[in-house]
């Protein structure tokens, strides 16, 4: 998937295979049993996909070079989650930095909304002093930001 994302198109061999397979699968789906009225609902049923699995479609033998193993996929997904978590933490820290001058306003708003916890209050003191935030602080900040957004508090843009 990374190769497709980076190249913004699938490898030529995969594209050709999809162009060959798509009409065959579409035809099999459209040739649903007579009692099927709604094709869209039929595609959600196991019977539809059993019929597709039974199709005899000749694919290029080297198509496997375009695929990844389940283990490789799991590794890629884990790496993506880790990268996403890091990006999220960086964004949270950037937002905290941008909120240094409005911590009192945030505190008052959260207190009046009934969602300012003691940890949230301590966190706002740390943000006001531009102190570095721990992982636990970022968790508290995430929850506070969520509540602020849900209650239509206008946070600074990133």
C-alpha atoms as a PDB file:
ATOM      1  CA  UNK A   1       0.000   0.000   0.000  1.00  0.00           C
ATOM      2  CA  UNK A   2       2.898   2.352   0.683  1.00  0.00           C
ATOM      3  CA  UNK A   3       4.136   1.910  -2.899  1.00  0.00           C
ATOM      4  CA  UNK A   4       0.666   2.759  -4.198  1.00  0.00           C
ATOM      5  CA  UNK A   5       0.386   5.764  -1.875  1.00  0.00           C
ATOM      6  CA  UNK A   6       3.850   7.066  -2.721  1.00  0.00           C
ATOM      7  CA  UNK A   7       3.426   6.550  -6.458  1.00  0.00           C
ATOM      8  CA  UNK A   8      -0.246   7.599  -6.398  1.00  0.00           C
ATOM      9  CA  UNK A   9      -1.044   4.601  -8.588  1.00  0.00           C
ATOM     10  CA  UNK A  10      -0.684   0.837  -8.324  1.00  0.00           C
ATOM     11  CA  UNK A  11       2.159  -0.998 -10.047  1.00  0.00           C
ATOM     12  CA  UNK A  12       1.333  -1.642 -13.708  1.00  0.00           C
ATOM     13  CA  UNK A  13       1.031  -5.394 -13.168  1.00  0.00           C
ATOM     14  CA  UNK A  14      -1.492  -4.879 -10.351  1.00  0.00           C
ATOM     15  CA  UNK A  15      -3.430  -2.300 -12.401  1.00  0.00           C
ATOM     16  CA  UNK A  16      -3.704  -4.762 -15.310  1.00  0.00           C
ATOM     17  CA  UNK A  17      -4.838  -7.543 -12.963  1.00  0.00           C
ATOM     18  CA  UNK A  18      -7.512  -5.283 -11.424  1.00  0.00           C
ATOM     19  CA  UNK A  19      -8.733  -4.250 -14.886  1.00  0.00           C
ATOM     20  CA  UNK A  20      -9.065  -7.924 -15.775  1.00  0.00           C
ATOM     21  CA  UNK A  21     -10.666  -9.037 -12.498  1.00  0.00           C
ATOM     22  CA  UNK A  22     -13.089  -6.140 -11.915  1.00  0.00           C
ATOM     23  CA  UNK A  23     -15.496  -6.865 -14.812  1.00  0.00           C
ATOM     24  CA  UNK A  24     -15.507 -10.594 -14.014  1.00  0.00           C
ATOM     25  CA  UNK A  25     -16.343  -9.946 -10.356  1.00  0.00           C
ATOM     26  CA  UNK A  26     -18.913  -7.291 -11.298  1.00  0.00           C
ATOM     27  CA  UNK A  27     -20.616  -9.739 -13.653  1.00  0.00           C
ATOM     28  CA  UNK A  28     -20.703 -12.427 -10.963  1.00  0.00           C
ATOM     29  CA  UNK A  29     -22.259  -9.992  -8.506  1.00  0.00           C
ATOM     30  CA  UNK A  30     -24.862  -8.834 -11.045  1.00  0.00           C
ATOM     31  CA  UNK A  31     -25.729 -12.479 -11.761  1.00  0.00           C
ATOM     32  CA  UNK A  32     -27.094 -12.876  -8.250  1.00  0.00           C
ATOM     33  CA  UNK A  33     -29.773 -15.479  -7.529  1.00  0.00           C
ATOM     34  CA  UNK A  34     -33.212 -14.468  -8.829  1.00  0.00           C
ATOM     35  CA  UNK A  35     -34.618 -13.962  -5.331  1.00  0.00           C
ATOM     36  CA  UNK A  36     -32.099 -11.142  -4.694  1.00  0.00           C
ATOM     37  CA  UNK A  37     -33.760  -7.758  -5.193  1.00  0.00           C
ATOM     38  CA  UNK A  38     -31.107  -5.427  -3.789  1.00  0.00           C
ATOM     39  CA  UNK A  39     -27.615  -6.100  -5.194  1.00  0.00           C
ATOM     40  CA  UNK A  40     -26.033  -3.758  -2.637  1.00  0.00           C
ATOM     41  CA  UNK A  41     -27.425  -5.861   0.187  1.00  0.00           C
ATOM     42  CA  UNK A  42     -26.364  -9.032  -1.612  1.00  0.00           C
ATOM     43  CA  UNK A  43     -22.733  -7.851  -1.641  1.00  0.00           C
ATOM     44  CA  UNK A  44     -22.856  -7.744   2.156  1.00  0.00           C
ATOM     45  CA  UNK A  45     -23.705 -11.434   2.348  1.00  0.00           C
ATOM     46  CA  UNK A  46     -21.239 -14.283   2.618  1.00  0.00           C
ATOM     47  CA  UNK A  47     -23.031 -16.089  -0.238  1.00  0.00           C
ATOM     48  CA  UNK A  48     -21.989 -13.309  -2.631  1.00  0.00           C
ATOM     49  CA  UNK A  49     -18.344 -13.551  -1.687  1.00  0.00           C
ATOM     50  CA  UNK A  50     -18.429 -17.339  -1.721  1.00  0.00           C
ATOM     51  CA  UNK A  51     -19.567 -17.080  -5.353  1.00  0.00           C
ATOM     52  CA  UNK A  52     -16.742 -14.631  -6.109  1.00  0.00           C
ATOM     53  CA  UNK A  53     -14.169 -16.911  -4.429  1.00  0.00           C
ATOM     54  CA  UNK A  54     -15.291 -19.774  -6.685  1.00  0.00           C
ATOM     55  CA  UNK A  55     -14.550 -17.783  -9.856  1.00  0.00           C
ATOM     56  CA  UNK A  56     -11.713 -19.198 -11.909  1.00  0.00           C
ATOM     57  CA  UNK A  57      -9.651 -16.116 -12.768  1.00  0.00           C
ATOM     58  CA  UNK A  58      -6.234 -16.511 -14.337  1.00  0.00           C
ATOM     59  CA  UNK A  59      -3.858 -14.050 -12.686  1.00  0.00           C
ATOM     60  CA  UNK A  60      -0.214 -13.402 -13.567  1.00  0.00           C
ATOM     61  CA  UNK A  61       2.039 -15.721 -11.521  1.00  0.00           C
ATOM     62  CA  UNK A  62       4.368 -12.875 -10.510  1.00  0.00           C
ATOM     63  CA  UNK A  63       1.492 -10.822  -9.062  1.00  0.00           C
ATOM     64  CA  UNK A  64       2.694 -11.963  -5.636  1.00  0.00           C
ATOM     65  CA  UNK A  65       5.559  -9.476  -5.974  1.00  0.00           C
ATOM     66  CA  UNK A  66       2.960  -6.712  -5.480  1.00  0.00           C
ATOM     67  CA  UNK A  67       1.681  -8.217  -2.236  1.00  0.00           C
ATOM     68  CA  UNK A  68       2.940  -8.235   1.347  1.00  0.00           C
ATOM     69  CA  UNK A  69       2.673 -10.995   3.922  1.00  0.00           C
ATOM     70  CA  UNK A  70       0.360 -10.688   6.906  1.00  0.00           C
ATOM     71  CA  UNK A  71       3.426 -10.249   9.115  1.00  0.00           C
ATOM     72  CA  UNK A  72       4.740  -7.401   6.962  1.00  0.00           C
ATOM     73  CA  UNK A  73       1.293  -5.800   7.006  1.00  0.00           C
ATOM     74  CA  UNK A  74       1.133  -6.041  10.807  1.00  0.00           C
ATOM     75  CA  UNK A  75       4.591  -4.431  11.043  1.00  0.00           C
ATOM     76  CA  UNK A  76       3.555  -1.609   8.698  1.00  0.00           C
ATOM     77  CA  UNK A  77       0.347  -0.991  10.657  1.00  0.00           C
ATOM     78  CA  UNK A  78       2.261  -0.932  13.965  1.00  0.00           C
ATOM     79  CA  UNK A  79       4.801   1.521  12.536  1.00  0.00           C
ATOM     80  CA  UNK A  80       2.009   3.751  11.193  1.00  0.00           C
ATOM     81  CA  UNK A  81       0.268   3.778  14.587  1.00  0.00           C
ATOM     82  CA  UNK A  82       3.537   4.723  16.294  1.00  0.00           C
ATOM     83  CA  UNK A  83       4.174   7.511  13.770  1.00  0.00           C
ATOM     84  CA  UNK A  84       0.590   8.712  14.203  1.00  0.00           C
ATOM     85  CA  UNK A  85       0.968   8.750  17.983  1.00  0.00           C
ATOM     86  CA  UNK A  86       4.167  10.783  17.699  1.00  0.00           C
ATOM     87  CA  UNK A  87       2.511  13.224  15.282  1.00  0.00           C
ATOM     88  CA  UNK A  88      -0.449  13.519  17.645  1.00  0.00           C
ATOM     89  CA  UNK A  89       1.809  14.202  20.626  1.00  0.00           C
ATOM     90  CA  UNK A  90       3.683  16.871  18.691  1.00  0.00           C
ATOM     91  CA  UNK A  91       0.418  18.542  17.689  1.00  0.00           C
ATOM     92  CA  UNK A  92      -0.828  18.450  21.285  1.00  0.00           C
ATOM     93  CA  UNK A  93       2.402  20.054  22.490  1.00  0.00           C
ATOM     94  CA  UNK A  94       2.164  22.706  19.769  1.00  0.00           C
ATOM     95  CA  UNK A  95      -1.428  23.451  20.772  1.00  0.00           C
ATOM     96  CA  UNK A  96      -0.400  23.717  24.432  1.00  0.00           C
ATOM     97  CA  UNK A  97       2.326  26.185  23.451  1.00  0.00           C
ATOM     98  CA  UNK A  98      -0.217  28.279  21.522  1.00  0.00           C
ATOM     99  CA  UNK A  99      -2.529  28.268  24.560  1.00  0.00           C
ATOM    100  CA  UNK A 100       0.033  29.705  27.014  1.00  0.00           C
ATOM    101  CA  UNK A 101      -1.644  33.128  26.943  1.00  0.00           C
ATOM    102  CA  UNK A 102      -5.219  31.855  27.301  1.00  0.00           C
ATOM    103  CA  UNK A 103      -4.875  29.281  30.086  1.00  0.00           C
ATOM    104  CA  UNK A 104      -6.970  31.384  32.489  1.00  0.00           C
ATOM    105  CA  UNK A 105      -9.717  31.673  29.878  1.00  0.00           C
ATOM    106  CA  UNK A 106      -9.575  27.916  29.293  1.00  0.00           C
ATOM    107  CA  UNK A 107      -9.672  27.280  33.060  1.00  0.00           C
ATOM    108  CA  UNK A 108     -12.719  29.521  33.546  1.00  0.00           C
ATOM    109  CA  UNK A 109     -14.542  27.976  30.578  1.00  0.00           C
ATOM    110  CA  UNK A 110     -13.814  24.402  31.696  1.00  0.00           C
ATOM    111  CA  UNK A 111     -14.756  25.194  35.294  1.00  0.00           C
ATOM    112  CA  UNK A 112     -18.060  26.774  34.254  1.00  0.00           C
ATOM    113  CA  UNK A 113     -18.727  23.790  31.968  1.00  0.00           C
ATOM    114  CA  UNK A 114     -18.102  21.396  34.853  1.00  0.00           C
ATOM    115  CA  UNK A 115     -15.273  19.505  33.184  1.00  0.00           C
ATOM    116  CA  UNK A 116     -12.175  20.967  34.861  1.00  0.00           C
ATOM    117  CA  UNK A 117     -10.558  18.176  36.860  1.00  0.00           C
ATOM    118  CA  UNK A 118      -7.820  18.743  39.456  1.00  0.00           C
ATOM    119  CA  UNK A 119      -5.337  17.221  36.989  1.00  0.00           C
ATOM    120  CA  UNK A 120      -6.638  19.531  34.264  1.00  0.00           C
ATOM    121  CA  UNK A 121      -6.128  22.500  36.568  1.00  0.00           C
ATOM    122  CA  UNK A 122      -2.551  21.395  37.341  1.00  0.00           C
ATOM    123  CA  UNK A 123      -1.927  20.884  33.639  1.00  0.00           C
ATOM    124  CA  UNK A 124      -3.115  24.413  32.816  1.00  0.00           C
ATOM    125  CA  UNK A 125      -0.654  25.750  35.419  1.00  0.00           C
ATOM    126  CA  UNK A 126       2.152  23.842  33.666  1.00  0.00           C
ATOM    127  CA  UNK A 127       1.078  25.145  30.254  1.00  0.00           C
ATOM    128  CA  UNK A 128       0.913  28.718  31.597  1.00  0.00           C
ATOM    129  CA  UNK A 129       4.517  28.387  32.820  1.00  0.00           C
ATOM    130  CA  UNK A 130       5.571  26.800  29.482  1.00  0.00           C
ATOM    131  CA  UNK A 131       6.747  23.723  31.402  1.00  0.00           C
ATOM    132  CA  UNK A 132       7.443  20.542  29.481  1.00  0.00           C
ATOM    133  CA  UNK A 133       4.573  18.071  29.416  1.00  0.00           C
ATOM    134  CA  UNK A 134       4.782  14.414  30.410  1.00  0.00           C
ATOM    135  CA  UNK A 135       2.958  11.575  28.680  1.00  0.00           C
ATOM    136  CA  UNK A 136       0.351  11.701  31.469  1.00  0.00           C
ATOM    137  CA  UNK A 137      -0.005  15.469  30.960  1.00  0.00           C
ATOM    138  CA  UNK A 138      -0.633  14.874  27.259  1.00  0.00           C
ATOM    139  CA  UNK A 139      -3.352  12.361  28.127  1.00  0.00           C
ATOM    140  CA  UNK A 140      -5.038  14.924  30.403  1.00  0.00           C
ATOM    141  CA  UNK A 141      -4.582  17.608  27.716  1.00  0.00           C
ATOM    142  CA  UNK A 142      -6.158  15.328  25.097  1.00  0.00           C
ATOM    143  CA  UNK A 143      -9.253  14.883  27.252  1.00  0.00           C
ATOM    144  CA  UNK A 144      -9.460  18.579  28.122  1.00  0.00           C
ATOM    145  CA  UNK A 145      -9.118  19.591  24.449  1.00  0.00           C
ATOM    146  CA  UNK A 146     -11.853  17.095  23.535  1.00  0.00           C
ATOM    147  CA  UNK A 147     -14.217  18.631  26.112  1.00  0.00           C
ATOM    148  CA  UNK A 148     -13.322  22.161  25.027  1.00  0.00           C
ATOM    149  CA  UNK A 149     -14.109  21.345  21.393  1.00  0.00           C
ATOM    150  CA  UNK A 150     -17.349  19.564  22.320  1.00  0.00           C
ATOM    151  CA  UNK A 151     -18.418  22.708  24.176  1.00  0.00           C
ATOM    152  CA  UNK A 152     -17.467  24.979  21.257  1.00  0.00           C
ATOM    153  CA  UNK A 153     -14.454  26.637  22.848  1.00  0.00           C
ATOM    154  CA  UNK A 154     -12.383  28.211  20.101  1.00  0.00           C
ATOM    155  CA  UNK A 155      -8.832  26.927  20.354  1.00  0.00           C
ATOM    156  CA  UNK A 156      -5.933  28.469  18.402  1.00  0.00           C
ATOM    157  CA  UNK A 157      -5.277  27.057  14.931  1.00  0.00           C
ATOM    158  CA  UNK A 158      -2.209  24.879  14.460  1.00  0.00           C
END
